[in-house]
Amino acid sequence: MRVESRFVPEQSNPERGGWLFAYTVRISNQSGTTVQLISRHWVITDANGETEEVRGPGVVGAQPVLRPGETFEYTSACPLGTAFGTMHGTYQMVTDAGEQFDAEIAAFSLSTPYGLN
């Protein structure tokens, strides 16, 4: 799994305490079995230590099925009340045999370039 984030200045309003960050996630099935992404759980923490949890079915309206070797990529966004923060979480997955497991998404940063605020 690979995640890249970026600041979206054209949709941010720092004067009013609003920063928007886009993130792109690339999920690759490196196992020998077909899996499906069922739901997501994100933990978003801003620079003040305030935490928000987001849970829901699938990602960007999809519950992708990945056969061995297949990849799924999507882009979404996260508003923050501070110029930087972090996200981490899990995807709840199920194999074609019905076995459920969590795929961990390591923490990644959401930050403005050059410390802009």
C-alpha atoms as a PDB file:
ATOM      1  CA  MET A   1       0.000   0.000   0.000  1.00  0.00           C
ATOM      2  CA  ARG A   2       1.302   3.442  -0.911  1.00  0.00           C
ATOM      3  CA  VAL A   3      -0.118   6.811   0.159  1.00  0.00           C
ATOM      4  CA  GLU A   4       0.831  10.258  -1.124  1.00  0.00           C
ATOM      5  CA  SER A   5      -0.670  13.467   0.242  1.00  0.00           C
ATOM      6  CA  ARG A   6      -0.626  17.059  -0.928  1.00  0.00           C
ATOM      7  CA  PHE A   7      -1.900  20.437   0.193  1.00  0.00           C
ATOM      8  CA  VAL A   8      -4.714  21.898  -1.959  1.00  0.00           C
ATOM      9  CA  PRO A   9      -4.271  25.696  -1.659  1.00  0.00           C
ATOM     10  CA  GLU A  10      -7.023  26.581  -4.134  1.00  0.00           C
ATOM     11  CA  GLN A  11      -9.602  24.905  -1.870  1.00  0.00           C
ATOM     12  CA  SER A  12      -8.123  26.061   1.452  1.00  0.00           C
ATOM     13  CA  ASN A  13      -8.855  29.167   3.490  1.00  0.00           C
ATOM     14  CA  PRO A  14      -6.143  29.577   6.164  1.00  0.00           C
ATOM     15  CA  GLU A  15      -7.541  32.975   7.225  1.00  0.00           C
ATOM     16  CA  ARG A  16     -10.676  31.150   8.367  1.00  0.00           C
ATOM     17  CA  GLY A  17      -8.850  28.131   9.795  1.00  0.00           C
ATOM     18  CA  GLY A  18      -9.423  25.751   6.901  1.00  0.00           C
ATOM     19  CA  TRP A  19      -6.803  23.664   5.101  1.00  0.00           C
ATOM     20  CA  LEU A  20      -7.641  20.968   2.576  1.00  0.00           C
ATOM     21  CA  PHE A  21      -5.361  18.038   1.832  1.00  0.00           C
ATOM     22  CA  ALA A  22      -5.762  15.477  -0.936  1.00  0.00           C
ATOM     23  CA  TYR A  23      -4.361  11.982  -0.596  1.00  0.00           C
ATOM     24  CA  THR A  24      -3.932   9.198  -3.130  1.00  0.00           C
ATOM     25  CA  VAL A  25      -3.903   5.579  -1.990  1.00  0.00           C
ATOM     26  CA  ARG A  26      -2.620   2.716  -4.134  1.00  0.00           C
ATOM     27  CA  ILE A  27      -3.680  -0.723  -2.892  1.00  0.00           C
ATOM     28  CA  SER A  28      -1.958  -3.784  -4.360  1.00  0.00           C
ATOM     29  CA  ASN A  29      -3.020  -7.377  -3.748  1.00  0.00           C
ATOM     30  CA  GLN A  30       0.247  -9.224  -3.269  1.00  0.00           C
ATOM     31  CA  SER A  31      -1.415 -12.370  -1.946  1.00  0.00           C
ATOM     32  CA  GLY A  32      -2.403 -15.485  -3.827  1.00  0.00           C
ATOM     33  CA  THR A  33      -6.136 -15.034  -3.226  1.00  0.00           C
ATOM     34  CA  THR A  34      -8.830 -12.588  -4.326  1.00  0.00           C
ATOM     35  CA  VAL A  35      -9.784  -9.960  -1.721  1.00  0.00           C
ATOM     36  CA  GLN A  36     -12.413  -7.248  -1.433  1.00  0.00           C
ATOM     37  CA  LEU A  37     -12.188  -3.965   0.447  1.00  0.00           C
ATOM     38  CA  ILE A  38     -15.384  -3.793   2.519  1.00  0.00           C
ATOM     39  CA  SER A  39     -14.957  -0.712   4.725  1.00  0.00           C
ATOM     40  CA  ARG A  40     -12.513   1.866   6.029  1.00  0.00           C
ATOM     41  CA  HIS A  41     -11.540   3.378   9.363  1.00  0.00           C
ATOM     42  CA  TRP A  42      -9.421   6.544   9.431  1.00  0.00           C
ATOM     43  CA  VAL A  43      -7.977   8.336  12.449  1.00  0.00           C
ATOM     44  CA  ILE A  44      -7.192  11.978  11.625  1.00  0.00           C
ATOM     45  CA  THR A  45      -5.182  14.089  14.070  1.00  0.00           C
ATOM     46  CA  ASP A  46      -4.578  17.820  13.667  1.00  0.00           C
ATOM     47  CA  ALA A  47      -1.659  19.896  14.977  1.00  0.00           C
ATOM     48  CA  ASN A  48      -3.561  20.588  18.230  1.00  0.00           C
ATOM     49  CA  GLY A  49      -3.907  16.879  18.967  1.00  0.00           C
ATOM     50  CA  GLU A  50      -7.629  16.893  18.139  1.00  0.00           C
ATOM     51  CA  THR A  51      -8.645  13.517  16.731  1.00  0.00           C
ATOM     52  CA  GLU A  52     -11.499  12.609  14.405  1.00  0.00           C
ATOM     53  CA  GLU A  53     -12.442   9.086  13.375  1.00  0.00           C
ATOM     54  CA  VAL A  54     -14.087   8.323  10.038  1.00  0.00           C
ATOM     55  CA  ARG A  55     -15.729   4.983   9.308  1.00  0.00           C
ATOM     56  CA  GLY A  56     -17.724   3.899   6.310  1.00  0.00           C
ATOM     57  CA  PRO A  57     -18.315   1.356   3.580  1.00  0.00           C
ATOM     58  CA  GLY A  58     -15.653   1.066   0.893  1.00  0.00           C
ATOM     59  CA  VAL A  59     -13.637   4.001  -0.413  1.00  0.00           C
ATOM     60  CA  VAL A  60     -14.907   6.794  -2.698  1.00  0.00           C
ATOM     61  CA  GLY A  61     -18.153   4.883  -3.228  1.00  0.00           C
ATOM     62  CA  ALA A  62     -16.436   1.634  -4.247  1.00  0.00           C
ATOM     63  CA  GLN A  63     -15.779  -1.736  -2.638  1.00  0.00           C
ATOM     64  CA  PRO A  64     -13.086  -2.929  -5.032  1.00  0.00           C
ATOM     65  CA  VAL A  65     -12.345  -6.604  -5.643  1.00  0.00           C
ATOM     66  CA  LEU A  66      -8.657  -7.287  -6.249  1.00  0.00           C
ATOM     67  CA  ARG A  67      -7.447 -10.506  -7.783  1.00  0.00           C
ATOM     68  CA  PRO A  68      -3.848 -11.560  -7.084  1.00  0.00           C
ATOM     69  CA  GLY A  69      -1.496  -8.984  -8.575  1.00  0.00           C
ATOM     70  CA  GLU A  70      -4.205  -6.364  -9.188  1.00  0.00           C
ATOM     71  CA  THR A  71      -4.053  -2.768  -7.975  1.00  0.00           C
ATOM     72  CA  PHE A  72      -6.692  -0.165  -7.123  1.00  0.00           C
ATOM     73  CA  GLU A  73      -5.904   3.540  -6.783  1.00  0.00           C
ATOM     74  CA  TYR A  74      -8.105   6.392  -5.618  1.00  0.00           C
ATOM     75  CA  THR A  75      -7.860   9.998  -4.483  1.00  0.00           C
ATOM     76  CA  SER A  76      -9.850  11.593  -1.694  1.00  0.00           C
ATOM     77  CA  ALA A  77      -9.533  14.668   0.514  1.00  0.00           C
ATOM     78  CA  CYS A  78      -9.363  15.629   4.164  1.00  0.00           C
ATOM     79  CA  PRO A  79     -10.166  19.066   5.626  1.00  0.00           C
ATOM     80  CA  LEU A  80      -8.175  20.140   8.686  1.00  0.00           C
ATOM     81  CA  GLY A  81      -8.430  23.074  11.074  1.00  0.00           C
ATOM     82  CA  THR A  82      -4.631  23.349  11.242  1.00  0.00           C
ATOM     83  CA  ALA A  83      -1.810  23.614   8.687  1.00  0.00           C
ATOM     84  CA  PHE A  84      -0.585  20.097   9.412  1.00  0.00           C
ATOM     85  CA  GLY A  85      -1.671  16.788  10.872  1.00  0.00           C
ATOM     86  CA  THR A  86      -1.569  13.041  10.330  1.00  0.00           C
ATOM     87  CA  MET A  87      -3.816  10.212   9.183  1.00  0.00           C
ATOM     88  CA  HIS A  88      -3.650   6.474   9.714  1.00  0.00           C
ATOM     89  CA  GLY A  89      -6.149   3.655   9.687  1.00  0.00           C
ATOM     90  CA  THR A  90      -7.295   0.297   8.407  1.00  0.00           C
ATOM     91  CA  TYR A  91      -9.219  -1.201   5.534  1.00  0.00           C
ATOM     92  CA  GLN A  92     -11.480  -4.075   6.472  1.00  0.00           C
ATOM     93  CA  MET A  93     -10.957  -6.772   3.842  1.00  0.00           C
ATOM     94  CA  VAL A  94     -12.516 -10.145   3.067  1.00  0.00           C
ATOM     95  CA  THR A  95     -11.049 -12.991   1.019  1.00  0.00           C
ATOM     96  CA  ASP A  96     -13.033 -14.949  -1.556  1.00  0.00           C
ATOM     97  CA  ALA A  97     -13.146 -17.732   1.087  1.00  0.00           C
ATOM     98  CA  GLY A  98     -14.945 -15.370   3.495  1.00  0.00           C
ATOM     99  CA  GLU A  99     -12.011 -14.745   5.854  1.00  0.00           C
ATOM    100  CA  GLN A 100     -11.929 -11.188   7.199  1.00  0.00           C
ATOM    101  CA  PHE A 101      -8.796  -9.223   8.064  1.00  0.00           C
ATOM    102  CA  ASP A 102      -7.632  -5.639   8.542  1.00  0.00           C
ATOM    103  CA  ALA A 103      -5.072  -4.066   6.226  1.00  0.00           C
ATOM    104  CA  GLU A 104      -3.153  -1.425   8.176  1.00  0.00           C
ATOM    105  CA  ILE A 105      -2.426   1.999   6.669  1.00  0.00           C
ATOM    106  CA  ALA A 106       0.652   3.496   8.336  1.00  0.00           C
ATOM    107  CA  ALA A 107       0.530   7.101   9.493  1.00  0.00           C
ATOM    108  CA  PHE A 108       1.211   9.727   6.839  1.00  0.00           C
ATOM    109  CA  SER A 109       1.486  13.477   7.141  1.00  0.00           C
ATOM    110  CA  LEU A 110      -0.831  16.188   5.922  1.00  0.00           C
ATOM    111  CA  SER A 111       1.207  19.390   5.737  1.00  0.00           C
ATOM    112  CA  THR A 112       1.501  22.633   3.903  1.00  0.00           C
ATOM    113  CA  PRO A 113       4.752  23.196   2.025  1.00  0.00           C
ATOM    114  CA  TYR A 114       7.393  25.304   3.736  1.00  0.00           C
ATOM    115  CA  GLY A 115       5.328  25.609   6.906  1.00  0.00           C
ATOM    116  CA  LEU A 116       2.711  27.899   5.375  1.00  0.00           C
ATOM    117  CA  ASN A 117      -0.183  28.724   7.669  1.00  0.00           C
END
